[in-house]
Amino acid sequence: MSKTWEHYHHAAHHHERAAYHYKEAANYEKADEHEKAAHHAYLAHGYTQHAIDCDAEAAKLLADHISHIDHCESFVIVAYEEGDNRQRAASERSQEKECRFLKEA
């Protein structure tokens, strides 16, 4: 499992836990049990913060990965172009040799 996917997975889990605690807080609030409601709201807030942190870390890893891919692709393109130029130059030299050979004959 990639680190990026792992962070998104943890974020989803934290979002689920936060939703559960927000729902519990709402139920306790309806029942006028304000201390329990406040406790669950506090827990929900903590899970939400953890989820946001995990989402941010996953996004950072993904951005770093994409940046790395772009960096590597630029090297591949440059290497391909250099190889293409070398092949073209070698082909031109080969054609020049053939022309000289035909002129001498």
Protein backbone atom coordinates (compact mmCIF):
# COMPACT_ATOMS: atom_id res chain seq x y z
CA MET A 1 0.00 0.00 0.00
CA SER A 2 1.46 3.35 -0.99
CA LYS A 3 1.97 6.02 1.63
CA THR A 4 -0.36 8.36 -0.25
CA TRP A 5 -3.17 5.81 -0.29
CA GLU A 6 -2.50 5.01 3.35
CA HIS A 7 -2.93 8.68 4.31
CA TYR A 8 -6.18 8.94 2.34
CA HIS A 9 -7.40 5.72 3.98
CA HIS A 10 -6.63 7.09 7.46
CA ALA A 11 -8.30 10.39 6.58
CA ALA A 12 -11.46 8.55 5.51
CA HIS A 13 -11.45 6.62 8.79
CA HIS A 14 -11.07 9.85 10.79
CA HIS A 15 -13.89 11.49 8.80
CA GLU A 16 -16.14 8.51 9.61
CA ARG A 17 -15.28 8.71 13.31
CA ALA A 18 -15.91 12.46 13.30
CA ALA A 19 -19.31 11.97 11.66
CA TYR A 20 -20.22 9.38 14.29
CA HIS A 21 -19.28 11.71 17.15
CA TYR A 22 -21.09 14.70 15.58
CA LYS A 23 -24.21 12.53 15.31
CA GLU A 24 -23.84 11.42 18.93
CA ALA A 25 -23.35 15.04 20.00
CA ALA A 26 -26.56 16.01 18.21
CA ASN A 27 -28.48 13.18 19.89
CA TYR A 28 -27.22 14.14 23.34
CA GLU A 29 -28.01 17.80 22.66
CA LYS A 30 -31.61 16.86 21.79
CA ALA A 31 -31.81 14.96 25.08
CA ASP A 32 -30.50 18.05 26.93
CA GLU A 33 -27.38 16.17 28.04
CA HIS A 34 -25.07 19.05 27.30
CA GLU A 35 -21.92 17.67 28.92
CA LYS A 36 -22.06 14.46 26.88
CA ALA A 37 -22.90 16.48 23.77
CA ALA A 38 -19.92 18.74 24.37
CA HIS A 39 -17.66 15.73 24.91
CA HIS A 40 -18.72 14.12 21.62
CA ALA A 41 -18.43 17.44 19.78
CA TYR A 42 -14.89 17.77 21.16
CA LEU A 43 -14.00 14.25 19.96
CA ALA A 44 -15.56 14.95 16.57
CA HIS A 45 -13.50 18.11 16.22
CA GLY A 46 -10.31 16.16 17.03
CA TYR A 47 -11.08 13.49 14.44
CA THR A 48 -11.84 16.18 11.88
CA GLN A 49 -8.47 17.80 12.54
CA HIS A 50 -6.69 14.46 12.17
CA ALA A 51 -8.56 13.85 8.91
CA ILE A 52 -7.53 17.25 7.57
CA ASP A 53 -3.90 16.55 8.49
CA CYS A 54 -3.99 13.15 6.75
CA ASP A 55 -5.61 14.66 3.66
CA ALA A 56 -2.97 17.39 3.54
CA GLU A 57 -0.10 14.90 3.92
CA ALA A 58 -1.56 12.68 1.19
CA ALA A 59 -1.93 15.68 -1.12
CA LYS A 60 1.67 16.70 -0.42
CA LEU A 61 2.95 13.19 -1.19
CA LEU A 62 0.89 13.09 -4.37
CA ALA A 63 2.19 16.49 -5.48
CA ASP A 64 5.77 15.39 -4.75
CA HIS A 65 5.18 12.20 -6.75
CA ILE A 66 3.76 14.11 -9.72
CA SER A 67 6.66 16.57 -9.56
CA HIS A 68 9.10 13.65 -9.55
CA ILE A 69 7.35 12.08 -12.56
CA ASP A 70 7.51 15.39 -14.47
CA HIS A 71 11.19 15.70 -13.59
CA CYS A 72 11.94 12.16 -14.79
CA GLU A 73 9.88 12.60 -17.95
CA SER A 74 11.87 15.72 -18.84
CA PHE A 75 15.08 13.67 -18.60
CA VAL A 76 13.57 10.96 -20.79
CA ILE A 77 12.52 13.52 -23.40
CA VAL A 78 15.96 15.15 -23.39
CA ALA A 79 17.68 11.76 -23.63
CA TYR A 80 15.36 10.74 -26.46
CA GLU A 81 16.02 13.98 -28.34
CA GLU A 82 19.78 13.63 -27.84
CA GLY A 83 19.62 10.03 -29.03
CA ASP A 84 17.54 11.08 -32.03
CA ASN A 85 20.05 13.83 -32.86
CA ARG A 86 22.96 11.38 -32.55
CA GLN A 87 21.18 8.87 -34.75
CA ARG A 88 20.45 11.56 -37.34
CA ALA A 89 24.10 12.72 -37.27
CA ALA A 90 25.33 9.12 -37.63
CA SER A 91 22.96 8.60 -40.53
CA GLU A 92 24.22 11.78 -42.22
CA ARG A 93 27.86 10.67 -41.76
CA SER A 94 26.98 7.29 -43.22
CA GLN A 95 25.34 8.94 -46.23
CA GLU A 96 28.40 11.18 -46.72
CA LYS A 97 30.67 8.12 -46.71
CA GLU A 98 28.47 6.43 -49.30
CA CYS A 99 28.51 9.53 -51.49
CA ARG A 100 32.33 9.73 -51.29
CA PHE A 101 32.59 6.04 -52.05
CA LEU A 102 30.33 6.39 -55.08
CA LYS A 103 32.26 9.46 -56.33
CA GLU A 104 35.57 7.60 -56.04
CA ALA A 105 34.24 4.61 -57.94
